Amino acid sequence: DQQKHYEVRVASLKAELQKMHQELEDVQLGGAGVSEKGGSNSPGQALSSRQVRDLDDKSFKAEIRCNQNMRRAEKANLLIQSVKTGIQHLAKLMLTQEKAGLMPPKV
């Protein structure tokens, strides 16, 4: 469940990062972008250097969040794998003990 949550979050952040990279590319090519007031700029209007920096900052922050969440997801996967291995080990021990007749009777 936690793994799925992190996978969804990583996918969301990757999509946000892709969107911001596209916006940055549009700005760098002199294409239309979003003005500070939230409206669209006309196709011939270039964005200010402040808007470019803001977009770059947003992109950078999104990339950092994406990387942090990927690391969290990897840690969660490692923990899940470790727990799974431990459970399998205990199950094998219990089967061995049961076959040897060393386990208490089932209730």
C-alpha atoms as a PDB file:
ATOM      1  CA  ASP A   1       0.000   0.000   0.000  1.00  0.00           C
ATOM      2  CA  GLN A   2       2.797   2.390   0.937  1.00  0.00           C
ATOM      3  CA  GLN A   3       4.729   1.335  -2.155  1.00  0.00           C
ATOM      4  CA  LYS A   4       1.736   2.117  -4.385  1.00  0.00           C
ATOM      5  CA  HIS A   5       1.387   5.505  -2.691  1.00  0.00           C
ATOM      6  CA  TYR A   6       5.010   6.338  -3.432  1.00  0.00           C
ATOM      7  CA  GLU A   7       4.760   5.058  -7.002  1.00  0.00           C
ATOM      8  CA  VAL A   8       1.719   7.275  -7.633  1.00  0.00           C
ATOM      9  CA  ARG A   9       3.499  10.249  -6.044  1.00  0.00           C
ATOM     10  CA  VAL A  10       6.665   9.662  -8.120  1.00  0.00           C
ATOM     11  CA  ALA A  11       4.582   9.416 -11.300  1.00  0.00           C
ATOM     12  CA  SER A  12       2.787  12.641 -10.400  1.00  0.00           C
ATOM     13  CA  LEU A  13       6.040  14.457  -9.757  1.00  0.00           C
ATOM     14  CA  LYS A  14       7.554  13.116 -12.977  1.00  0.00           C
ATOM     15  CA  ALA A  15       4.558  14.458 -14.896  1.00  0.00           C
ATOM     16  CA  GLU A  16       4.905  17.816 -13.164  1.00  0.00           C
ATOM     17  CA  LEU A  17       8.620  17.858 -13.930  1.00  0.00           C
ATOM     18  CA  GLN A  18       7.952  17.044 -17.598  1.00  0.00           C
ATOM     19  CA  LYS A  19       5.374  19.838 -17.779  1.00  0.00           C
ATOM     20  CA  MET A  20       7.813  22.319 -16.267  1.00  0.00           C
ATOM     21  CA  HIS A  21      10.597  21.231 -18.596  1.00  0.00           C
ATOM     22  CA  GLN A  22       8.226  21.786 -21.509  1.00  0.00           C
ATOM     23  CA  GLU A  23       7.350  25.247 -20.200  1.00  0.00           C
ATOM     24  CA  LEU A  24      11.030  26.055 -19.792  1.00  0.00           C
ATOM     25  CA  GLU A  25      11.743  24.827 -23.316  1.00  0.00           C
ATOM     26  CA  ASP A  26       8.898  26.983 -24.651  1.00  0.00           C
ATOM     27  CA  VAL A  27      10.348  29.976 -22.833  1.00  0.00           C
ATOM     28  CA  GLN A  28      13.847  29.309 -24.104  1.00  0.00           C
ATOM     29  CA  LEU A  29      12.535  29.080 -27.657  1.00  0.00           C
ATOM     30  CA  GLY A  30      10.577  32.315 -27.225  1.00  0.00           C
ATOM     31  CA  GLY A  31       7.226  30.560 -27.387  1.00  0.00           C
ATOM     32  CA  ALA A  32       4.070  31.392 -25.497  1.00  0.00           C
ATOM     33  CA  GLY A  33       4.085  30.937 -21.768  1.00  0.00           C
ATOM     34  CA  VAL A  34       2.185  31.881 -18.660  1.00  0.00           C
ATOM     35  CA  SER A  35       2.361  35.430 -17.374  1.00  0.00           C
ATOM     36  CA  GLU A  36       2.832  36.260 -13.707  1.00  0.00           C
ATOM     37  CA  LYS A  37      -0.872  37.152 -13.438  1.00  0.00           C
ATOM     38  CA  GLY A  38      -1.793  33.632 -14.524  1.00  0.00           C
ATOM     39  CA  GLY A  39      -2.951  34.491 -18.032  1.00  0.00           C
ATOM     40  CA  SER A  40      -1.402  33.486 -21.311  1.00  0.00           C
ATOM     41  CA  ASN A  41       1.117  35.660 -23.063  1.00  0.00           C
ATOM     42  CA  SER A  42       0.529  36.376 -26.699  1.00  0.00           C
ATOM     43  CA  PRO A  43       2.657  34.213 -29.026  1.00  0.00           C
ATOM     44  CA  GLY A  44       4.971  37.107 -29.935  1.00  0.00           C
ATOM     45  CA  GLN A  45       5.523  38.290 -26.359  1.00  0.00           C
ATOM     46  CA  ALA A  46       8.699  37.007 -24.675  1.00  0.00           C
ATOM     47  CA  LEU A  47       8.770  36.149 -20.983  1.00  0.00           C
ATOM     48  CA  SER A  48      10.776  38.257 -18.579  1.00  0.00           C
ATOM     49  CA  SER A  49      13.975  36.910 -17.088  1.00  0.00           C
ATOM     50  CA  ARG A  50      12.204  36.806 -13.722  1.00  0.00           C
ATOM     51  CA  GLN A  51       9.511  34.528 -15.144  1.00  0.00           C
ATOM     52  CA  VAL A  52      12.187  32.302 -16.645  1.00  0.00           C
ATOM     53  CA  ARG A  53      13.961  32.101 -13.268  1.00  0.00           C
ATOM     54  CA  ASP A  54      10.666  31.331 -11.531  1.00  0.00           C
ATOM     55  CA  LEU A  55       9.941  28.506 -13.968  1.00  0.00           C
ATOM     56  CA  ASP A  56      13.482  27.205 -13.571  1.00  0.00           C
ATOM     57  CA  ASP A  57      13.148  27.308  -9.762  1.00  0.00           C
ATOM     58  CA  LYS A  58       9.838  25.441  -9.914  1.00  0.00           C
ATOM     59  CA  SER A  59      11.350  22.845 -12.216  1.00  0.00           C
ATOM     60  CA  PHE A  60      14.367  22.420  -9.933  1.00  0.00           C
ATOM     61  CA  LYS A  61      12.163  22.017  -6.841  1.00  0.00           C
ATOM     62  CA  ALA A  62       9.935  19.499  -8.618  1.00  0.00           C
ATOM     63  CA  GLU A  63      12.992  17.514  -9.666  1.00  0.00           C
ATOM     64  CA  ILE A  64      14.275  17.484  -6.080  1.00  0.00           C
ATOM     65  CA  ARG A  65      10.874  16.291  -4.768  1.00  0.00           C
ATOM     66  CA  CYS A  66      10.778  13.628  -7.471  1.00  0.00           C
ATOM     67  CA  ASN A  67      14.244  12.361  -6.539  1.00  0.00           C
ATOM     68  CA  GLN A  68      13.398  12.371  -2.818  1.00  0.00           C
ATOM     69  CA  ASN A  69      10.237  10.369  -3.431  1.00  0.00           C
ATOM     70  CA  MET A  70      12.092   7.927  -5.674  1.00  0.00           C
ATOM     71  CA  ARG A  71      14.606   7.348  -2.852  1.00  0.00           C
ATOM     72  CA  ARG A  72      11.751   6.849  -0.369  1.00  0.00           C
ATOM     73  CA  ALA A  73      10.097   4.357  -2.717  1.00  0.00           C
ATOM     74  CA  GLU A  74      13.384   2.479  -3.146  1.00  0.00           C
ATOM     75  CA  LYS A  75      13.837   2.318   0.646  1.00  0.00           C
ATOM     76  CA  ALA A  76      10.264   1.073   1.035  1.00  0.00           C
ATOM     77  CA  ASN A  77      10.901  -1.606  -1.610  1.00  0.00           C
ATOM     78  CA  LEU A  78      14.071  -2.705   0.186  1.00  0.00           C
ATOM     79  CA  LEU A  79      12.203  -2.912   3.482  1.00  0.00           C
ATOM     80  CA  ILE A  80       9.376  -4.903   1.887  1.00  0.00           C
ATOM     81  CA  GLN A  81      11.875  -7.295   0.311  1.00  0.00           C
ATOM     82  CA  SER A  82      13.702  -7.721   3.625  1.00  0.00           C
ATOM     83  CA  VAL A  83      10.456  -8.468   5.479  1.00  0.00           C
ATOM     84  CA  LYS A  84       9.389 -10.900   2.753  1.00  0.00           C
ATOM     85  CA  THR A  85      12.718 -12.734   2.977  1.00  0.00           C
ATOM     86  CA  GLY A  86      12.438 -12.908   6.778  1.00  0.00           C
ATOM     87  CA  ILE A  87       8.914 -14.316   6.615  1.00  0.00           C
ATOM     88  CA  GLN A  88       9.959 -16.946   4.077  1.00  0.00           C
ATOM     89  CA  HIS A  89      12.892 -17.917   6.296  1.00  0.00           C
ATOM     90  CA  LEU A  90      10.640 -18.286   9.348  1.00  0.00           C
ATOM     91  CA  ALA A  91       8.133 -20.342   7.332  1.00  0.00           C
ATOM     92  CA  LYS A  92      10.915 -22.733   6.263  1.00  0.00           C
ATOM     93  CA  LEU A  93      12.087 -23.052   9.887  1.00  0.00           C
ATOM     94  CA  MET A  94       8.544 -23.797  11.042  1.00  0.00           C
ATOM     95  CA  LEU A  95       8.076 -26.445   8.342  1.00  0.00           C
ATOM     96  CA  THR A  96      11.362 -28.072   9.295  1.00  0.00           C
ATOM     97  CA  GLN A  97      10.402 -28.084  12.991  1.00  0.00           C
ATOM     98  CA  GLU A  98       6.937 -29.439  12.165  1.00  0.00           C
ATOM     99  CA  LYS A  99       8.360 -32.266  10.049  1.00  0.00           C
ATOM    100  CA  ALA A 100      10.738 -33.157  12.863  1.00  0.00           C
ATOM    101  CA  GLY A 101       7.816 -33.269  15.315  1.00  0.00           C
ATOM    102  CA  LEU A 102       9.202 -30.496  17.473  1.00  0.00           C
ATOM    103  CA  MET A 103       6.268 -28.104  17.094  1.00  0.00           C
ATOM    104  CA  PRO A 104       3.512 -28.036  19.749  1.00  0.00           C
ATOM    105  CA  PRO A 105       0.216 -29.603  18.689  1.00  0.00           C
ATOM    106  CA  LYS A 106      -2.216 -27.395  16.777  1.00  0.00           C
ATOM    107  CA  VAL A 107      -5.228 -26.135  18.697  1.00  0.00           C
END
